C-alpha atoms as a PDB file:
ATOM      1  CA  UNK A   1     -35.846 -68.905 -35.094  1.00  0.00           C
ATOM      2  CA  UNK A   2     -38.503 -70.914 -36.902  1.00  0.00           C
ATOM      3  CA  UNK A   3     -41.236 -69.025 -34.991  1.00  0.00           C
ATOM      4  CA  UNK A   4     -39.746 -65.738 -36.212  1.00  0.00           C
ATOM      5  CA  UNK A   5     -39.794 -66.911 -39.823  1.00  0.00           C
ATOM      6  CA  UNK A   6     -43.391 -68.058 -39.434  1.00  0.00           C
ATOM      7  CA  UNK A   7     -44.463 -64.687 -38.054  1.00  0.00           C
ATOM      8  CA  UNK A   8     -42.776 -62.871 -40.950  1.00  0.00           C
ATOM      9  CA  UNK A   9     -44.546 -65.075 -43.471  1.00  0.00           C
ATOM     10  CA  UNK A  10     -47.936 -64.518 -41.835  1.00  0.00           C
ATOM     11  CA  UNK A  11     -47.407 -60.739 -41.745  1.00  0.00           C
ATOM     12  CA  UNK A  12     -46.517 -60.572 -45.438  1.00  0.00           C
ATOM     13  CA  UNK A  13     -49.519 -62.695 -46.394  1.00  0.00           C
ATOM     14  CA  UNK A  14     -51.891 -60.648 -44.292  1.00  0.00           C
ATOM     15  CA  UNK A  15     -50.589 -57.442 -45.880  1.00  0.00           C
ATOM     16  CA  UNK A  16     -51.009 -59.018 -49.333  1.00  0.00           C
ATOM     17  CA  UNK A  17     -47.412 -58.272 -50.222  1.00  0.00           C
ATOM     18  CA  UNK A  18     -47.015 -61.167 -52.658  1.00  0.00           C
ATOM     19  CA  UNK A  19     -43.775 -60.054 -54.317  1.00  0.00           C
ATOM     20  CA  UNK A  20     -42.065 -59.485 -51.003  1.00  0.00           C
ATOM     21  CA  UNK A  21     -43.349 -62.825 -49.759  1.00  0.00           C
ATOM     22  CA  UNK A  22     -41.917 -64.601 -52.790  1.00  0.00           C
ATOM     23  CA  UNK A  23     -38.551 -62.929 -52.272  1.00  0.00           C
ATOM     24  CA  UNK A  24     -38.649 -63.871 -48.620  1.00  0.00           C
ATOM     25  CA  UNK A  25     -39.593 -67.472 -49.439  1.00  0.00           C
ATOM     26  CA  UNK A  26     -36.709 -67.761 -51.874  1.00  0.00           C
ATOM     27  CA  UNK A  27     -34.339 -66.312 -49.275  1.00  0.00           C
ATOM     28  CA  UNK A  28     -35.602 -68.759 -46.688  1.00  0.00           C
ATOM     29  CA  UNK A  29     -35.053 -71.670 -49.077  1.00  0.00           C
ATOM     30  CA  UNK A  30     -31.509 -70.452 -49.751  1.00  0.00           C
ATOM     31  CA  UNK A  31     -30.837 -70.224 -46.013  1.00  0.00           C
ATOM     32  CA  UNK A  32     -32.127 -73.784 -45.507  1.00  0.00           C
ATOM     33  CA  UNK A  33     -29.964 -75.076 -48.360  1.00  0.00           C
ATOM     34  CA  UNK A  34     -26.913 -73.284 -46.962  1.00  0.00           C
ATOM     35  CA  UNK A  35     -27.639 -74.809 -43.555  1.00  0.00           C
ATOM     36  CA  UNK A  36     -27.890 -78.275 -45.051  1.00  0.00           C
ATOM     37  CA  UNK A  37     -24.644 -77.797 -46.986  1.00  0.00           C
ATOM     38  CA  UNK A  38     -22.857 -76.611 -43.862  1.00  0.00           C
ATOM     39  CA  UNK A  39     -24.178 -79.604 -41.918  1.00  0.00           C
ATOM     40  CA  UNK A  40     -23.034 -81.958 -44.679  1.00  0.00           C
ATOM     41  CA  UNK A  41     -19.623 -80.320 -44.777  1.00  0.00           C
ATOM     42  CA  UNK A  42     -19.240 -80.676 -41.008  1.00  0.00           C
ATOM     43  CA  UNK A  43     -20.336 -84.307 -41.236  1.00  0.00           C
ATOM     44  CA  UNK A  44     -17.860 -84.968 -44.056  1.00  0.00           C
ATOM     45  CA  UNK A  45     -15.105 -83.281 -42.073  1.00  0.00           C
ATOM     46  CA  UNK A  46     -15.877 -85.446 -39.049  1.00  0.00           C
ATOM     47  CA  UNK A  47     -15.897 -88.573 -41.204  1.00  0.00           C
ATOM     48  CA  UNK A  48     -12.587 -87.579 -42.796  1.00  0.00           C
ATOM     49  CA  UNK A  49     -11.080 -87.118 -39.340  1.00  0.00           C
ATOM     50  CA  UNK A  50     -12.315 -90.562 -38.316  1.00  0.00           C
ATOM     51  CA  UNK A  51     -10.872 -92.087 -41.516  1.00  0.00           C
ATOM     52  CA  UNK A  52      -7.512 -90.375 -40.978  1.00  0.00           C
ATOM     53  CA  UNK A  53      -7.421 -91.539 -37.350  1.00  0.00           C
ATOM     54  CA  UNK A  54      -8.296 -95.107 -38.362  1.00  0.00           C
ATOM     55  CA  UNK A  55      -5.735 -95.073 -41.182  1.00  0.00           C
ATOM     56  CA  UNK A  56      -3.054 -93.735 -38.826  1.00  0.00           C
ATOM     57  CA  UNK A  57      -3.840 -96.498 -36.350  1.00  0.00           C
ATOM     58  CA  UNK A  58      -3.515 -99.179 -39.008  1.00  0.00           C
ATOM     59  CA  UNK A  59      -0.237 -97.732 -40.291  1.00  0.00           C
ATOM     60  CA  UNK A  60       1.188 -97.351 -36.779  1.00  0.00           C
ATOM     61  CA  UNK A  61       0.468-101.014 -36.109  1.00  0.00           C
ATOM     62  CA  UNK A  62       1.859-101.993 -39.520  1.00  0.00           C
ATOM     63  CA  UNK A  63       5.047-100.054 -38.763  1.00  0.00           C
ATOM     64  CA  UNK A  64       5.649-102.226 -35.700  1.00  0.00           C
ATOM     65  CA  UNK A  65       5.096-105.445 -37.660  1.00  0.00           C
ATOM     66  CA  UNK A  66       7.395-104.145 -40.401  1.00  0.00           C
ATOM     67  CA  UNK A  67      10.129-103.701 -37.801  1.00  0.00           C
ATOM     68  CA  UNK A  68       9.547-107.277 -36.662  1.00  0.00           C
ATOM     69  CA  UNK A  69       9.722-108.430 -40.289  1.00  0.00           C
ATOM     70  CA  UNK A  70      13.034-106.643 -40.795  1.00  0.00           C
ATOM     71  CA  UNK A  71      14.526-108.462 -37.794  1.00  0.00           C
ATOM     72  CA  UNK A  72      13.203-111.771 -39.120  1.00  0.00           C
ATOM     73  CA  UNK A  73      14.653-111.144 -42.588  1.00  0.00           C
ATOM     74  CA  UNK A  74      17.985-110.177 -41.013  1.00  0.00           C
ATOM     75  CA  UNK A  75      17.951-113.536 -39.218  1.00  0.00           C
ATOM     76  CA  UNK A  76      17.106-115.351 -42.454  1.00  0.00           C
ATOM     77  CA  UNK A  77      20.066-113.697 -44.176  1.00  0.00           C
ATOM     78  CA  UNK A  78      22.428-114.470 -41.274  1.00  0.00           C
ATOM     79  CA  UNK A  79      21.409-118.142 -41.123  1.00  0.00           C
ATOM     80  CA  UNK A  80      21.492-118.486 -44.898  1.00  0.00           C
ATOM     81  CA  UNK A  81      24.978-116.990 -45.108  1.00  0.00           C
ATOM     82  CA  UNK A  82      26.234-119.548 -42.605  1.00  0.00           C
ATOM     83  CA  UNK A  83      24.763-122.417 -44.631  1.00  0.00           C
ATOM     84  CA  UNK A  84      25.996-120.995 -47.916  1.00  0.00           C
ATOM     85  CA  UNK A  85      29.478-120.792 -46.430  1.00  0.00           C
ATOM     86  CA  UNK A  86      29.379-124.534 -45.791  1.00  0.00           C
ATOM     87  CA  UNK A  87      28.195-125.114 -49.376  1.00  0.00           C
ATOM     88  CA  UNK A  88      30.997-122.880 -50.636  1.00  0.00           C
ATOM     89  CA  UNK A  89      33.543-124.841 -48.616  1.00  0.00           C
ATOM     90  CA  UNK A  90      32.151-128.143 -49.918  1.00  0.00           C
ATOM     91  CA  UNK A  91      32.691-126.858 -53.453  1.00  0.00           C
ATOM     92  CA  UNK A  92      36.238-125.940 -52.548  1.00  0.00           C
ATOM     93  CA  UNK A  93      36.660-129.386 -50.983  1.00  0.00           C
ATOM     94  CA  UNK A  94      35.455-131.019 -54.215  1.00  0.00           C
ATOM     95  CA  UNK A  95      38.187-129.066 -56.011  1.00  0.00           C
ATOM     96  CA  UNK A  96      40.728-130.185 -53.376  1.00  0.00           C
ATOM     97  CA  UNK A  97      41.370-126.578 -52.349  1.00  0.00           C
ATOM     98  CA  UNK A  98      40.740-127.272 -48.635  1.00  0.00           C
ATOM     99  CA  UNK A  99      40.683-130.219 -46.240  1.00  0.00           C
ATOM    100  CA  UNK A 100      37.449-131.662 -44.789  1.00  0.00           C
ATOM    101  CA  UNK A 101      38.107-130.148 -41.364  1.00  0.00           C
ATOM    102  CA  UNK A 102      37.951-126.657 -42.895  1.00  0.00           C
ATOM    103  CA  UNK A 103      34.415-127.132 -44.253  1.00  0.00           C
ATOM    104  CA  UNK A 104      32.679-126.147 -41.021  1.00  0.00           C
ATOM    105  CA  UNK A 105      29.492-127.393 -39.390  1.00  0.00           C
ATOM    106  CA  UNK A 106      28.000-129.755 -41.976  1.00  0.00           C
ATOM    107  CA  UNK A 107      24.865-130.155 -39.833  1.00  0.00           C
ATOM    108  CA  UNK A 108      23.770-126.884 -41.446  1.00  0.00           C
ATOM    109  CA  UNK A 109      23.138-128.494 -44.843  1.00  0.00           C
ATOM    110  CA  UNK A 110      20.009-130.170 -43.451  1.00  0.00           C
ATOM    111  CA  UNK A 111      18.586-126.986 -41.893  1.00  0.00           C
ATOM    112  CA  UNK A 112      15.226-125.681 -43.131  1.00  0.00           C
ATOM    113  CA  UNK A 113      14.026-122.090 -42.754  1.00  0.00           C
ATOM    114  CA  UNK A 114      10.964-120.980 -40.749  1.00  0.00           C
ATOM    115  CA  UNK A 115       8.592-118.534 -42.414  1.00  0.00           C
ATOM    116  CA  UNK A 116       8.046-115.810 -39.800  1.00  0.00           C
ATOM    117  CA  UNK A 117       7.045-112.692 -41.772  1.00  0.00           C
ATOM    118  CA  UNK A 118       3.883-111.229 -40.233  1.00  0.00           C
ATOM    119  CA  UNK A 119       2.963-107.858 -41.787  1.00  0.00           C
ATOM    120  CA  UNK A 120       1.046-109.238 -44.770  1.00  0.00           C
ATOM    121  CA  UNK A 121      -0.504-111.991 -42.637  1.00  0.00           C
ATOM    122  CA  UNK A 122      -1.709-109.540 -39.984  1.00  0.00           C
ATOM    123  CA  UNK A 123      -2.746-106.717 -42.348  1.00  0.00           C
ATOM    124  CA  UNK A 124      -3.605-108.322 -45.720  1.00  0.00           C
ATOM    125  CA  UNK A 125      -5.916-105.445 -46.733  1.00  0.00           C
ATOM    126  CA  UNK A 126      -3.536-102.661 -45.747  1.00  0.00           C
ATOM    127  CA  UNK A 127      -3.018-101.358 -49.333  1.00  0.00           C
ATOM    128  CA  UNK A 128      -6.794-100.929 -49.687  1.00  0.00           C
ATOM    129  CA  UNK A 129      -6.988 -99.059 -46.385  1.00  0.00           C
ATOM    130  CA  UNK A 130      -4.469 -96.414 -47.453  1.00  0.00           C
ATOM    131  CA  UNK A 131      -5.615 -93.357 -49.419  1.00  0.00           C
ATOM    132  CA  UNK A 132      -2.316 -92.110 -50.819  1.00  0.00           C
ATOM    133  CA  UNK A 133      -1.579 -93.845 -54.124  1.00  0.00           C
ATOM    134  CA  UNK A 134       2.221 -93.693 -53.758  1.00  0.00           C
ATOM    135  CA  UNK A 135       2.040 -95.361 -50.347  1.00  0.00           C
ATOM    136  CA  UNK A 136      -0.299 -98.037 -51.704  1.00  0.00           C
ATOM    137  CA  UNK A 137       2.263 -98.865 -54.382  1.00  0.00           C
ATOM    138  CA  UNK A 138       5.149 -99.125 -51.900  1.00  0.00           C
ATOM    139  CA  UNK A 139       3.147-101.427 -49.612  1.00  0.00           C
ATOM    140  CA  UNK A 140       2.022-103.611 -52.533  1.00  0.00           C
ATOM    141  CA  UNK A 141       5.608-103.795 -53.753  1.00  0.00           C
ATOM    142  CA  UNK A 142       6.704-105.047 -50.333  1.00  0.00           C
ATOM    143  CA  UNK A 143       3.837-107.547 -50.151  1.00  0.00           C
ATOM    144  CA  UNK A 144       4.824-108.959 -53.547  1.00  0.00           C
ATOM    145  CA  UNK A 145       8.438-109.237 -52.374  1.00  0.00           C
ATOM    146  CA  UNK A 146       7.375-111.118 -49.220  1.00  0.00           C
ATOM    147  CA  UNK A 147       5.236-113.494 -51.282  1.00  0.00           C
ATOM    148  CA  UNK A 148       8.198-114.296 -53.513  1.00  0.00           C
ATOM    149  CA  UNK A 149      10.482-114.745 -50.500  1.00  0.00           C
ATOM    150  CA  UNK A 150       7.958-117.064 -48.866  1.00  0.00           C
ATOM    151  CA  UNK A 151       7.760-119.046 -52.109  1.00  0.00           C
ATOM    152  CA  UNK A 152      11.543-119.476 -52.232  1.00  0.00           C
ATOM    153  CA  UNK A 153      11.576-120.441 -48.541  1.00  0.00           C
ATOM    154  CA  UNK A 154       9.039-123.172 -49.312  1.00  0.00           C
ATOM    155  CA  UNK A 155      11.147-124.358 -52.263  1.00  0.00           C
ATOM    156  CA  UNK A 156      14.266-124.436 -50.113  1.00  0.00           C
ATOM    157  CA  UNK A 157      12.518-126.327 -47.326  1.00  0.00           C
ATOM    158  CA  UNK A 158      11.022-128.797 -49.797  1.00  0.00           C
ATOM    159  CA  UNK A 159      14.388-129.899 -51.148  1.00  0.00           C
ATOM    160  CA  UNK A 160      15.845-130.129 -47.627  1.00  0.00           C
ATOM    161  CA  UNK A 161      12.935-132.171 -46.278  1.00  0.00           C
ATOM    162  CA  UNK A 162      12.269-134.278 -49.372  1.00  0.00           C
ATOM    163  CA  UNK A 163      15.784-134.843 -50.723  1.00  0.00           C
ATOM    164  CA  UNK A 164      18.677-133.902 -48.431  1.00  0.00           C
ATOM    165  CA  UNK A 165      17.406-135.360 -45.158  1.00  0.00           C
ATOM    166  CA  UNK A 166      16.087-138.609 -46.698  1.00  0.00           C
ATOM    167  CA  UNK A 167      19.395-139.054 -48.557  1.00  0.00           C
ATOM    168  CA  UNK A 168      21.422-138.619 -45.365  1.00  0.00           C
ATOM    169  CA  UNK A 169      19.222-141.174 -43.610  1.00  0.00           C
ATOM    170  CA  UNK A 170      19.289-143.616 -46.530  1.00  0.00           C
ATOM    171  CA  UNK A 171      23.091-143.524 -46.662  1.00  0.00           C
ATOM    172  CA  UNK A 172      23.251-143.894 -42.867  1.00  0.00           C
ATOM    173  CA  UNK A 173      25.225-140.679 -42.467  1.00  0.00           C
ATOM    174  CA  UNK A 174      23.449-139.578 -39.266  1.00  0.00           C
ATOM    175  CA  UNK A 175      24.649-140.026 -35.699  1.00  0.00           C
ATOM    176  CA  UNK A 176      21.770-141.805 -34.009  1.00  0.00           C
ATOM    177  CA  UNK A 177      21.277-140.602 -30.430  1.00  0.00           C
ATOM    178  CA  UNK A 178      22.529-137.059 -31.010  1.00  0.00           C
ATOM    179  CA  UNK A 179      19.055-135.902 -32.042  1.00  0.00           C
ATOM    180  CA  UNK A 180      18.185-135.401 -28.360  1.00  0.00           C
ATOM    181  CA  UNK A 181      21.275-133.412 -27.455  1.00  0.00           C
ATOM    182  CA  UNK A 182      20.600-130.029 -25.824  1.00  0.00           C
ATOM    183  CA  UNK A 183      23.700-128.203 -27.055  1.00  0.00           C
ATOM    184  CA  UNK A 184      22.120-126.393 -29.994  1.00  0.00           C
ATOM    185  CA  UNK A 185      25.418-124.818 -31.036  1.00  0.00           C
ATOM    186  CA  UNK A 186      26.765-128.169 -32.244  1.00  0.00           C
ATOM    187  CA  UNK A 187      24.335-131.058 -32.404  1.00  0.00           C
ATOM    188  CA  UNK A 188      26.735-133.190 -34.469  1.00  0.00           C
ATOM    189  CA  UNK A 189      23.820-134.835 -36.278  1.00  0.00           C
ATOM    190  CA  UNK A 190      25.832-135.810 -39.358  1.00  0.00           C
ATOM    191  CA  UNK A 191      28.710-138.220 -39.037  1.00  0.00           C
ATOM    192  CA  UNK A 192      31.625-136.248 -40.477  1.00  0.00           C
ATOM    193  CA  UNK A 193      33.754-139.251 -41.425  1.00  0.00           C
ATOM    194  CA  UNK A 194      30.945-141.063 -43.234  1.00  0.00           C
ATOM    195  CA  UNK A 195      29.737-137.858 -44.877  1.00  0.00           C
ATOM    196  CA  UNK A 196      33.081-136.898 -46.371  1.00  0.00           C
ATOM    197  CA  UNK A 197      33.537-140.429 -47.640  1.00  0.00           C
ATOM    198  CA  UNK A 198      30.113-140.286 -49.303  1.00  0.00           C
ATOM    199  CA  UNK A 199      30.851-136.790 -50.607  1.00  0.00           C
ATOM    200  CA  UNK A 200      33.364-138.293 -53.017  1.00  0.00           C
ATOM    201  CA  UNK A 201      30.436-139.702 -54.995  1.00  0.00           C
ATOM    202  CA  UNK A 202      28.457-137.706 -57.566  1.00  0.00           C
ATOM    203  CA  UNK A 203      24.980-138.411 -56.193  1.00  0.00           C
ATOM    204  CA  UNK A 204      25.409-136.426 -52.972  1.00  0.00           C
ATOM    205  CA  UNK A 205      27.057-133.577 -54.841  1.00  0.00           C
ATOM    206  CA  UNK A 206      24.102-133.402 -57.243  1.00  0.00           C
ATOM    207  CA  UNK A 207      21.635-133.193 -54.354  1.00  0.00           C
ATOM    208  CA  UNK A 208      23.710-130.507 -52.665  1.00  0.00           C
ATOM    209  CA  UNK A 209      23.957-128.642 -55.973  1.00  0.00           C
ATOM    210  CA  UNK A 210      20.166-128.210 -56.088  1.00  0.00           C
ATOM    211  CA  UNK A 211      19.988-127.404 -52.360  1.00  0.00           C
ATOM    212  CA  UNK A 212      22.699-124.762 -52.702  1.00  0.00           C
ATOM    213  CA  UNK A 213      20.977-123.238 -55.731  1.00  0.00           C
ATOM    214  CA  UNK A 214      17.630-122.914 -53.942  1.00  0.00           C
ATOM    215  CA  UNK A 215      19.400-121.497 -50.892  1.00  0.00           C
ATOM    216  CA  UNK A 216      21.214-118.879 -52.944  1.00  0.00           C
ATOM    217  CA  UNK A 217      17.954-117.762 -54.599  1.00  0.00           C
ATOM    218  CA  UNK A 218      16.341-117.493 -51.171  1.00  0.00           C
ATOM    219  CA  UNK A 219      19.270-115.379 -49.962  1.00  0.00           C
ATOM    220  CA  UNK A 220      18.944-112.948 -52.869  1.00  0.00           C
ATOM    221  CA  UNK A 221      15.203-112.613 -52.338  1.00  0.00           C
ATOM    222  CA  UNK A 222      15.692-112.053 -48.618  1.00  0.00           C
ATOM    223  CA  UNK A 223      18.062-109.163 -49.353  1.00  0.00           C
ATOM    224  CA  UNK A 224      15.625-107.704 -51.874  1.00  0.00           C
ATOM    225  CA  UNK A 225      12.726-108.001 -49.420  1.00  0.00           C
ATOM    226  CA  UNK A 226      14.758-106.340 -46.687  1.00  0.00           C
ATOM    227  CA  UNK A 227      15.338-103.343 -48.964  1.00  0.00           C
ATOM    228  CA  UNK A 228      11.603-103.175 -49.757  1.00  0.00           C
ATOM    229  CA  UNK A 229      10.871-103.357 -46.038  1.00  0.00           C
ATOM    230  CA  UNK A 230      13.095-100.350 -45.403  1.00  0.00           C
ATOM    231  CA  UNK A 231      11.345 -98.409 -48.176  1.00  0.00           C
ATOM    232  CA  UNK A 232       7.921 -99.111 -46.673  1.00  0.00           C
ATOM    233  CA  UNK A 233       9.027 -98.107 -43.191  1.00  0.00           C
ATOM    234  CA  UNK A 234      10.374 -94.786 -44.457  1.00  0.00           C
ATOM    235  CA  UNK A 235       7.222 -94.118 -46.494  1.00  0.00           C
ATOM    236  CA  UNK A 236       4.906 -94.935 -43.585  1.00  0.00           C
ATOM    237  CA  UNK A 237       6.887 -92.791 -41.148  1.00  0.00           C
ATOM    238  CA  UNK A 238       6.812 -89.856 -43.573  1.00  0.00           C
ATOM    239  CA  UNK A 239       3.067 -90.242 -44.151  1.00  0.00           C
ATOM    240  CA  UNK A 240       2.275 -90.447 -40.428  1.00  0.00           C
ATOM    241  CA  UNK A 241       4.417 -87.367 -39.770  1.00  0.00           C
ATOM    242  CA  UNK A 242       2.489 -85.398 -42.414  1.00  0.00           C
ATOM    243  CA  UNK A 243      -0.824 -86.353 -40.777  1.00  0.00           C
ATOM    244  CA  UNK A 244       0.186 -85.436 -37.224  1.00  0.00           C
END
């Protein structure tokens, strides 16, 4: 091809056809520019395909971690509801609406909550990796919700570990020896008789007031985060389907 162009140029020069040569030269330049533009377009198209494939891979992985997060949040809500039920029954006990035996497993008031959400930890830059603005916003919204949930989990755990557990130990309300029991359904760590006797005093009720408050806030944030998780999953699935 280039040899052909060279021969045409030489022929026009030898025949002293300057105007035709100029027209030919301009045409050749245009053809070269068009070729470059086509090459650039093909390169851009290939790069776009690579970006879409990479983005789809990241979102597919994120979708799996989101599903894991939803199961974890479900577990948080289930465990929290069980503990809140004990707190609710203790309030009813303080009002003499029920008897101590109806309170339930009081071991639960000393339970802390593990932080097991993984999507933001595993894919912290995911919002920056996504091109669609609406999807970015949904992911960021979920990440903010998980941060707030994690914060309330830390607050809940702090009051359990720094106030509730030390108080139970200080008042000698724990059953020494039961800490190595293997029946996880009922460890019987707190001595029921001693606890309910101590529960008549204001100091333990004040500590449990703060613990119950933090727990309730954590429960509300867990529910909110679960809803955000669902929204992200639906948005990611829709986006991946569009790019199939």
